């Protein structure tokens, strides 16, 4: 029996602005040829570009691969829950 090493949350690799590989994805919120919106372990991520294609999507292990002409990446900070006494 081989033990799997846990993946580091939120590893992002960009290759020549044409291929983005991401770990830590939880949900694809929106996808089209110009925009991909994801919920990740590190917050919401928006990927902008042209002719975007999801080449790999595995929410079981949190891996997403997007190919196309990437023009922008934007993370939103995770929202802090406010308790009754804060």
PDB file of N, CA and C in Angstrom:
ATOM      1  N   UNK A   1       0.842  -1.182   0.000  1.00  0.00           N
ATOM      2  CA  UNK A   1       0.000   0.000   0.000  1.00  0.00           C
ATOM      3  C   UNK A   1       0.885   1.243   0.000  1.00  0.00           C
ATOM      4  N   UNK A   2       0.674   2.116  -0.953  1.00  0.00           N
ATOM      5  CA  UNK A   2       1.494   3.323  -1.030  1.00  0.00           C
ATOM      6  C   UNK A   2       0.728   4.490  -0.443  1.00  0.00           C
ATOM      7  N   UNK A   3       1.401   5.274   0.357  1.00  0.00           N
ATOM      8  CA  UNK A   3       0.784   6.447   0.974  1.00  0.00           C
ATOM      9  C   UNK A   3       0.916   7.622   0.013  1.00  0.00           C
ATOM     10  N   UNK A   4      -0.173   8.340  -0.185  1.00  0.00           N
ATOM     11  CA  UNK A   4      -0.137   9.524  -1.030  1.00  0.00           C
ATOM     12  C   UNK A   4       0.257  10.725  -0.193  1.00  0.00           C
ATOM     13  N   UNK A   5       1.136  11.539  -0.745  1.00  0.00           N
ATOM     14  CA  UNK A   5       1.528  12.768  -0.069  1.00  0.00           C
ATOM     15  C   UNK A   5       0.446  13.810  -0.294  1.00  0.00           C
ATOM     16  N   UNK A   6       0.093  14.570   0.740  1.00  0.00           N
ATOM     17  CA  UNK A   6      -0.918  15.606   0.550  1.00  0.00           C
ATOM     18  C   UNK A   6      -0.392  16.711  -0.359  1.00  0.00           C
ATOM     19  N   UNK A   7      -1.244  17.215  -1.241  1.00  0.00           N
ATOM     20  CA  UNK A   7      -0.847  18.308  -2.110  1.00  0.00           C
ATOM     21  C   UNK A   7      -0.877  19.613  -1.336  1.00  0.00           C
ATOM     22  N   UNK A   8       0.069  20.481  -1.682  1.00  0.00           N
ATOM     23  CA  UNK A   8       0.055  21.812  -1.098  1.00  0.00           C
ATOM     24  C   UNK A   8      -1.139  22.562  -1.662  1.00  0.00           C
ATOM     25  N   UNK A   9      -1.937  23.213  -0.822  1.00  0.00           N
ATOM     26  CA  UNK A   9      -3.104  23.927  -1.342  1.00  0.00           C
ATOM     27  C   UNK A   9      -2.679  25.155  -2.140  1.00  0.00           C
ATOM     28  N   UNK A  10      -3.333  25.357  -3.266  1.00  0.00           N
ATOM     29  CA  UNK A  10      -3.139  26.586  -4.015  1.00  0.00           C
ATOM     30  C   UNK A  10      -1.862  26.701  -4.804  1.00  0.00           C
ATOM     31  N   UNK A  11      -1.307  25.600  -5.288  1.00  0.00           N
ATOM     32  CA  UNK A  11      -0.136  25.703  -6.146  1.00  0.00           C
ATOM     33  C   UNK A  11      -0.604  26.111  -7.537  1.00  0.00           C
ATOM     34  N   UNK A  12       0.024  27.138  -8.084  1.00  0.00           N
ATOM     35  CA  UNK A  12      -0.351  27.679  -9.377  1.00  0.00           C
ATOM     36  C   UNK A  12       0.895  27.755 -10.246  1.00  0.00           C
ATOM     37  N   UNK A  13       0.835  27.162 -11.449  1.00  0.00           N
ATOM     38  CA  UNK A  13       1.954  27.192 -12.382  1.00  0.00           C
ATOM     39  C   UNK A  13       1.464  27.764 -13.700  1.00  0.00           C
ATOM     40  N   UNK A  14       2.154  28.789 -14.203  1.00  0.00           N
ATOM     41  CA  UNK A  14       1.804  29.417 -15.464  1.00  0.00           C
ATOM     42  C   UNK A  14       2.954  29.215 -16.433  1.00  0.00           C
ATOM     43  N   UNK A  15       2.651  28.611 -17.581  1.00  0.00           N
ATOM     44  CA  UNK A  15       3.670  28.309 -18.575  1.00  0.00           C
ATOM     45  C   UNK A  15       3.443  29.164 -19.825  1.00  0.00           C
ATOM     46  N   UNK A  16       4.304  30.163 -20.017  1.00  0.00           N
ATOM     47  CA  UNK A  16       4.317  31.021 -21.204  1.00  0.00           C
ATOM     48  C   UNK A  16       2.970  31.690 -21.485  1.00  0.00           C
ATOM     49  N   UNK A  17       2.195  31.955 -20.430  1.00  0.00           N
ATOM     50  CA  UNK A  17       0.871  32.594 -20.555  1.00  0.00           C
ATOM     51  C   UNK A  17      -0.077  31.798 -21.430  1.00  0.00           C
ATOM     52  N   UNK A  18       0.221  30.494 -21.619  1.00  0.00           N
ATOM     53  CA  UNK A  18      -0.627  29.656 -22.460  1.00  0.00           C
ATOM     54  C   UNK A  18      -1.223  28.480 -21.720  1.00  0.00           C
ATOM     55  N   UNK A  19      -0.642  28.113 -20.587  1.00  0.00           N
ATOM     56  CA  UNK A  19      -1.131  26.954 -19.833  1.00  0.00           C
ATOM     57  C   UNK A  19      -1.016  27.239 -18.344  1.00  0.00           C
ATOM     58  N   UNK A  20      -2.145  27.140 -17.651  1.00  0.00           N
ATOM     59  CA  UNK A  20      -2.193  27.359 -16.214  1.00  0.00           C
ATOM     60  C   UNK A  20      -2.593  26.044 -15.541  1.00  0.00           C
ATOM     61  N   UNK A  21      -1.790  25.601 -14.596  1.00  0.00           N
ATOM     62  CA  UNK A  21      -2.104  24.412 -13.813  1.00  0.00           C
ATOM     63  C   UNK A  21      -2.286  24.852 -12.378  1.00  0.00           C
ATOM     64  N   UNK A  22      -3.396  24.433 -11.762  1.00  0.00           N
ATOM     65  CA  UNK A  22      -3.770  24.887 -10.430  1.00  0.00           C
ATOM     66  C   UNK A  22      -4.183  23.703  -9.579  1.00  0.00           C
ATOM     67  N   UNK A  23      -3.736  23.691  -8.332  1.00  0.00           N
ATOM     68  CA  UNK A  23      -4.244  22.731  -7.357  1.00  0.00           C
ATOM     69  C   UNK A  23      -4.995  23.503  -6.286  1.00  0.00           C
ATOM     70  N   UNK A  24      -5.866  22.821  -5.587  1.00  0.00           N
ATOM     71  CA  UNK A  24      -6.636  23.461  -4.528  1.00  0.00           C
ATOM     72  C   UNK A  24      -7.984  23.980  -5.002  1.00  0.00           C
ATOM     73  N   UNK A  25      -8.424  23.571  -6.204  1.00  0.00           N
ATOM     74  CA  UNK A  25      -9.729  24.012  -6.706  1.00  0.00           C
ATOM     75  C   UNK A  25     -10.839  23.244  -6.005  1.00  0.00           C
ATOM     76  N   UNK A  26     -11.897  23.945  -5.658  1.00  0.00           N
ATOM     77  CA  UNK A  26     -13.058  23.324  -5.010  1.00  0.00           C
ATOM     78  C   UNK A  26     -14.275  23.283  -5.924  1.00  0.00           C
ATOM     79  N   UNK A  27     -14.430  24.332  -6.754  1.00  0.00           N
ATOM     80  CA  UNK A  27     -15.640  24.453  -7.566  1.00  0.00           C
ATOM     81  C   UNK A  27     -15.384  25.376  -8.749  1.00  0.00           C
ATOM     82  N   UNK A  28     -15.921  25.016  -9.917  1.00  0.00           N
ATOM     83  CA  UNK A  28     -15.926  25.913 -11.062  1.00  0.00           C
ATOM     84  C   UNK A  28     -17.254  26.663 -11.019  1.00  0.00           C
ATOM     85  N   UNK A  29     -17.181  27.969 -10.854  1.00  0.00           N
ATOM     86  CA  UNK A  29     -18.376  28.801 -10.746  1.00  0.00           C
ATOM     87  C   UNK A  29     -18.875  29.193 -12.131  1.00  0.00           C
ATOM     88  N   UNK A  30     -17.941  29.536 -13.015  1.00  0.00           N
ATOM     89  CA  UNK A  30     -18.292  29.991 -14.359  1.00  0.00           C
ATOM     90  C   UNK A  30     -17.149  29.665 -15.297  1.00  0.00           C
ATOM     91  N   UNK A  31     -17.503  29.343 -16.550  1.00  0.00           N
ATOM     92  CA  UNK A  31     -16.483  29.091 -17.556  1.00  0.00           C
ATOM     93  C   UNK A  31     -17.005  29.472 -18.932  1.00  0.00           C
ATOM     94  N   UNK A  32     -16.211  30.253 -19.667  1.00  0.00           N
ATOM     95  CA  UNK A  32     -16.447  30.480 -21.087  1.00  0.00           C
ATOM     96  C   UNK A  32     -15.091  30.751 -21.738  1.00  0.00           C
ATOM     97  N   UNK A  33     -15.080  31.163 -22.987  1.00  0.00           N
ATOM     98  CA  UNK A  33     -13.817  31.335 -23.713  1.00  0.00           C
ATOM     99  C   UNK A  33     -12.988  32.526 -23.241  1.00  0.00           C
ATOM    100  N   UNK A  34     -13.580  33.402 -22.419  1.00  0.00           N
ATOM    101  CA  UNK A  34     -12.855  34.589 -21.971  1.00  0.00           C
ATOM    102  C   UNK A  34     -12.691  34.689 -20.459  1.00  0.00           C
ATOM    103  N   UNK A  35     -13.361  33.809 -19.696  1.00  0.00           N
ATOM    104  CA  UNK A  35     -13.344  33.938 -18.242  1.00  0.00           C
ATOM    105  C   UNK A  35     -13.566  32.582 -17.577  1.00  0.00           C
ATOM    106  N   UNK A  36     -12.764  32.306 -16.561  1.00  0.00           N
ATOM    107  CA  UNK A  36     -12.971  31.136 -15.716  1.00  0.00           C
ATOM    108  C   UNK A  36     -12.991  31.637 -14.274  1.00  0.00           C
ATOM    109  N   UNK A  37     -14.054  31.306 -13.541  1.00  0.00           N
ATOM    110  CA  UNK A  37     -14.152  31.670 -12.129  1.00  0.00           C
ATOM    111  C   UNK A  37     -14.172  30.391 -11.317  1.00  0.00           C
ATOM    112  N   UNK A  38     -13.275  30.323 -10.331  1.00  0.00           N
ATOM    113  CA  UNK A  38     -13.127  29.148  -9.488  1.00  0.00           C
ATOM    114  C   UNK A  38     -13.181  29.530  -8.025  1.00  0.00           C
ATOM    115  N   UNK A  39     -13.686  28.641  -7.186  1.00  0.00           N
ATOM    116  CA  UNK A  39     -13.491  28.736  -5.745  1.00  0.00           C
ATOM    117  C   UNK A  39     -12.344  27.795  -5.418  1.00  0.00           C
ATOM    118  N   UNK A  40     -11.351  28.316  -4.700  1.00  0.00           N
ATOM    119  CA  UNK A  40     -10.173  27.537  -4.352  1.00  0.00           C
ATOM    120  C   UNK A  40      -9.964  27.554  -2.839  1.00  0.00           C
ATOM    121  N   UNK A  41      -8.989  26.779  -2.396  1.00  0.00           N
ATOM    122  CA  UNK A  41      -8.644  26.765  -0.976  1.00  0.00           C
ATOM    123  C   UNK A  41      -8.167  28.129  -0.484  1.00  0.00           C
ATOM    124  N   UNK A  42      -7.685  28.965  -1.409  1.00  0.00           N
ATOM    125  CA  UNK A  42      -7.140  30.277  -1.042  1.00  0.00           C
ATOM    126  C   UNK A  42      -8.060  31.431  -1.401  1.00  0.00           C
ATOM    127  N   UNK A  43      -9.312  31.138  -1.764  1.00  0.00           N
ATOM    128  CA  UNK A  43     -10.273  32.177  -2.116  1.00  0.00           C
ATOM    129  C   UNK A  43     -10.738  32.041  -3.551  1.00  0.00           C
ATOM    130  N   UNK A  44     -11.585  32.969  -3.984  1.00  0.00           N
ATOM    131  CA  UNK A  44     -12.102  32.959  -5.349  1.00  0.00           C
ATOM    132  C   UNK A  44     -11.001  33.413  -6.304  1.00  0.00           C
ATOM    133  N   UNK A  45     -10.882  32.713  -7.440  1.00  0.00           N
ATOM    134  CA  UNK A  45      -9.876  33.037  -8.448  1.00  0.00           C
ATOM    135  C   UNK A  45     -10.581  33.282  -9.773  1.00  0.00           C
ATOM    136  N   UNK A  46     -10.270  34.408 -10.412  1.00  0.00           N
ATOM    137  CA  UNK A  46     -10.774  34.723 -11.741  1.00  0.00           C
ATOM    138  C   UNK A  46      -9.599  34.666 -12.710  1.00  0.00           C
ATOM    139  N   UNK A  47      -9.790  33.911 -13.799  1.00  0.00           N
ATOM    140  CA  UNK A  47      -8.785  33.779 -14.855  1.00  0.00           C
ATOM    141  C   UNK A  47      -9.388  34.417 -16.102  1.00  0.00           C
ATOM    142  N   UNK A  48      -8.659  35.372 -16.688  1.00  0.00           N
ATOM    143  CA  UNK A  48      -9.139  36.071 -17.878  1.00  0.00           C
ATOM    144  C   UNK A  48      -8.246  35.738 -19.058  1.00  0.00           C
ATOM    145  N   UNK A  49      -8.828  35.764 -20.255  1.00  0.00           N
ATOM    146  CA  UNK A  49      -8.037  35.505 -21.443  1.00  0.00           C
ATOM    147  C   UNK A  49      -8.893  35.380 -22.680  1.00  0.00           C
ATOM    148  N   UNK A  50      -8.316  34.766 -23.709  1.00  0.00           N
ATOM    149  CA  UNK A  50      -9.008  34.514 -24.975  1.00  0.00           C
ATOM    150  C   UNK A  50      -8.845  33.049 -25.335  1.00  0.00           C
ATOM    151  N   UNK A  51      -9.875  32.489 -25.941  1.00  0.00           N
ATOM    152  CA  UNK A  51      -9.864  31.099 -26.402  1.00  0.00           C
ATOM    153  C   UNK A  51      -9.497  30.133 -25.261  1.00  0.00           C
ATOM    154  N   UNK A  52     -10.047  30.372 -24.070  1.00  0.00           N
ATOM    155  CA  UNK A  52      -9.749  29.540 -22.918  1.00  0.00           C
ATOM    156  C   UNK A  52     -10.460  28.194 -23.031  1.00  0.00           C
ATOM    157  N   UNK A  53      -9.742  27.151 -22.636  1.00  0.00           N
ATOM    158  CA  UNK A  53     -10.278  25.793 -22.652  1.00  0.00           C
ATOM    159  C   UNK A  53      -9.880  25.102 -21.354  1.00  0.00           C
ATOM    160  N   UNK A  54     -10.824  24.381 -20.754  1.00  0.00           N
ATOM    161  CA  UNK A  54     -10.507  23.543 -19.596  1.00  0.00           C
ATOM    162  C   UNK A  54      -9.969  22.221 -20.131  1.00  0.00           C
ATOM    163  N   UNK A  55      -8.677  21.991 -19.974  1.00  0.00           N
ATOM    164  CA  UNK A  55      -8.068  20.771 -20.467  1.00  0.00           C
ATOM    165  C   UNK A  55      -8.129  19.649 -19.444  1.00  0.00           C
ATOM    166  N   UNK A  56      -8.190  20.013 -18.174  1.00  0.00           N
ATOM    167  CA  UNK A  56      -8.271  19.022 -17.106  1.00  0.00           C
ATOM    168  C   UNK A  56      -9.088  19.630 -15.980  1.00  0.00           C
ATOM    169  N   UNK A  57     -10.019  18.840 -15.470  1.00  0.00           N
ATOM    170  CA  UNK A  57     -10.818  19.275 -14.330  1.00  0.00           C
ATOM    171  C   UNK A  57     -11.046  18.061 -13.452  1.00  0.00           C
ATOM    172  N   UNK A  58     -10.420  18.059 -12.292  1.00  0.00           N
ATOM    173  CA  UNK A  58     -10.592  16.971 -11.340  1.00  0.00           C
ATOM    174  C   UNK A  58     -10.802  17.584  -9.959  1.00  0.00           C
ATOM    175  N   UNK A  59     -12.062  17.737  -9.592  1.00  0.00           N
ATOM    176  CA  UNK A  59     -12.346  18.318  -8.287  1.00  0.00           C
ATOM    177  C   UNK A  59     -12.104  17.311  -7.172  1.00  0.00           C
ATOM    178  N   UNK A  60     -11.941  16.023  -7.520  1.00  0.00           N
ATOM    179  CA  UNK A  60     -11.595  15.021  -6.510  1.00  0.00           C
ATOM    180  C   UNK A  60     -10.256  15.337  -5.866  1.00  0.00           C
ATOM    181  N   UNK A  61      -9.275  15.730  -6.696  1.00  0.00           N
ATOM    182  CA  UNK A  61      -7.969  16.097  -6.132  1.00  0.00           C
ATOM    183  C   UNK A  61      -7.675  17.586  -6.270  1.00  0.00           C
ATOM    184  N   UNK A  62      -8.635  18.365  -6.805  1.00  0.00           N
ATOM    185  CA  UNK A  62      -8.495  19.816  -6.853  1.00  0.00           C
ATOM    186  C   UNK A  62      -7.640  20.346  -7.979  1.00  0.00           C
ATOM    187  N   UNK A  63      -7.435  19.560  -9.039  1.00  0.00           N
ATOM    188  CA  UNK A  63      -6.573  19.970 -10.139  1.00  0.00           C
ATOM    189  C   UNK A  63      -7.383  20.539 -11.300  1.00  0.00           C
ATOM    190  N   UNK A  64      -6.931  21.689 -11.804  1.00  0.00           N
ATOM    191  CA  UNK A  64      -7.533  22.315 -12.975  1.00  0.00           C
ATOM    192  C   UNK A  64      -6.400  22.746 -13.900  1.00  0.00           C
ATOM    193  N   UNK A  65      -6.580  22.491 -15.208  1.00  0.00           N
ATOM    194  CA  UNK A  65      -5.638  22.970 -16.221  1.00  0.00           C
ATOM    195  C   UNK A  65      -6.438  23.782 -17.235  1.00  0.00           C
ATOM    196  N   UNK A  66      -6.013  25.031 -17.434  1.00  0.00           N
ATOM    197  CA  UNK A  66      -6.656  25.929 -18.392  1.00  0.00           C
ATOM    198  C   UNK A  66      -5.620  26.283 -19.446  1.00  0.00           C
ATOM    199  N   UNK A  67      -6.016  26.162 -20.723  1.00  0.00           N
ATOM    200  CA  UNK A  67      -5.138  26.554 -21.820  1.00  0.00           C
ATOM    201  C   UNK A  67      -5.813  27.634 -22.649  1.00  0.00           C
ATOM    202  N   UNK A  68      -5.011  28.468 -23.295  1.00  0.00           N
ATOM    203  CA  UNK A  68      -5.483  29.563 -24.125  1.00  0.00           C
ATOM    204  C   UNK A  68      -4.503  30.712 -23.994  1.00  0.00           C
ATOM    205  N   UNK A  69      -4.929  31.910 -24.349  1.00  0.00           N
ATOM    206  CA  UNK A  69      -4.096  33.109 -24.188  1.00  0.00           C
ATOM    207  C   UNK A  69      -4.533  33.785 -22.894  1.00  0.00           C
ATOM    208  N   UNK A  70      -3.752  33.601 -21.832  1.00  0.00           N
ATOM    209  CA  UNK A  70      -4.104  34.110 -20.508  1.00  0.00           C
ATOM    210  C   UNK A  70      -3.658  35.560 -20.365  1.00  0.00           C
ATOM    211  N   UNK A  71      -4.595  36.419 -19.944  1.00  0.00           N
ATOM    212  CA  UNK A  71      -4.283  37.846 -19.815  1.00  0.00           C
ATOM    213  C   UNK A  71      -4.379  38.364 -18.385  1.00  0.00           C
ATOM    214  N   UNK A  72      -5.012  37.602 -17.484  1.00  0.00           N
ATOM    215  CA  UNK A  72      -5.122  38.099 -16.123  1.00  0.00           C
ATOM    216  C   UNK A  72      -5.529  37.030 -15.129  1.00  0.00           C
ATOM    217  N   UNK A  73      -5.030  37.175 -13.911  1.00  0.00           N
ATOM    218  CA  UNK A  73      -5.381  36.318 -12.777  1.00  0.00           C
ATOM    219  C   UNK A  73      -5.680  37.226 -11.600  1.00  0.00           C
ATOM    220  N   UNK A  74      -6.787  36.944 -10.908  1.00  0.00           N
ATOM    221  CA  UNK A  74      -7.149  37.787  -9.773  1.00  0.00           C
ATOM    222  C   UNK A  74      -7.729  36.921  -8.662  1.00  0.00           C
ATOM    223  N   UNK A  75      -7.117  36.986  -7.478  1.00  0.00           N
ATOM    224  CA  UNK A  75      -7.641  36.313  -6.283  1.00  0.00           C
ATOM    225  C   UNK A  75      -8.435  37.309  -5.456  1.00  0.00           C
ATOM    226  N   UNK A  76      -9.559  36.869  -4.936  1.00  0.00           N
ATOM    227  CA  UNK A  76     -10.279  37.626  -3.917  1.00  0.00           C
ATOM    228  C   UNK A  76      -9.938  37.011  -2.575  1.00  0.00           C
ATOM    229  N   UNK A  77      -9.794  37.842  -1.577  1.00  0.00           N
ATOM    230  CA  UNK A  77      -9.524  37.346  -0.238  1.00  0.00           C
ATOM    231  C   UNK A  77     -10.723  36.549   0.266  1.00  0.00           C
ATOM    232  N   UNK A  78     -10.480  35.435   0.955  1.00  0.00           N
ATOM    233  CA  UNK A  78     -11.613  34.704   1.539  1.00  0.00           C
ATOM    234  C   UNK A  78     -12.339  35.586   2.539  1.00  0.00           C
ATOM    235  N   UNK A  79     -13.649  35.478   2.561  1.00  0.00           N
ATOM    236  CA  UNK A  79     -14.441  36.276   3.504  1.00  0.00           C
ATOM    237  C   UNK A  79     -14.276  35.732   4.905  1.00  0.00           C
ATOM    238  N   UNK A  80     -14.113  36.641   5.837  1.00  0.00           N
ATOM    239  CA  UNK A  80     -14.012  36.273   7.246  1.00  0.00           C
ATOM    240  C   UNK A  80     -15.404  36.179   7.821  1.00  0.00           C
ATOM    241  N   UNK A  81     -15.675  35.100   8.504  1.00  0.00           N
ATOM    242  CA  UNK A  81     -16.958  34.979   9.187  1.00  0.00           C
ATOM    243  C   UNK A  81     -16.943  35.850  10.418  1.00  0.00           C
ATOM    244  N   UNK A  82     -18.010  36.591  10.591  1.00  0.00           N
ATOM    245  CA  UNK A  82     -18.122  37.442  11.769  1.00  0.00           C
ATOM    246  C   UNK A  82     -19.085  36.795  12.740  1.00  0.00           C
ATOM    247  N   UNK A  83     -18.612  36.588  13.936  1.00  0.00           N
ATOM    248  CA  UNK A  83     -19.444  35.992  14.963  1.00  0.00           C
ATOM    249  C   UNK A  83     -20.385  37.013  15.575  1.00  0.00           C
ATOM    250  N   UNK A  84     -21.241  36.527  16.387  1.00  0.00           N
ATOM    251  CA  UNK A  84     -22.216  37.379  17.034  1.00  0.00           C
ATOM    252  C   UNK A  84     -21.542  38.410  17.950  1.00  0.00           C
ATOM    253  N   UNK A  85     -20.416  38.057  18.528  1.00  0.00           N
ATOM    254  CA  UNK A  85     -19.744  38.906  19.520  1.00  0.00           C
ATOM    255  C   UNK A  85     -18.589  39.716  18.947  1.00  0.00           C
ATOM    256  N   UNK A  86     -18.412  39.764  17.649  1.00  0.00           N
ATOM    257  CA  UNK A  86     -17.310  40.524  17.050  1.00  0.00           C
ATOM    258  C   UNK A  86     -17.723  41.905  16.669  1.00  0.00           C
TER     259      UNK A  86
END
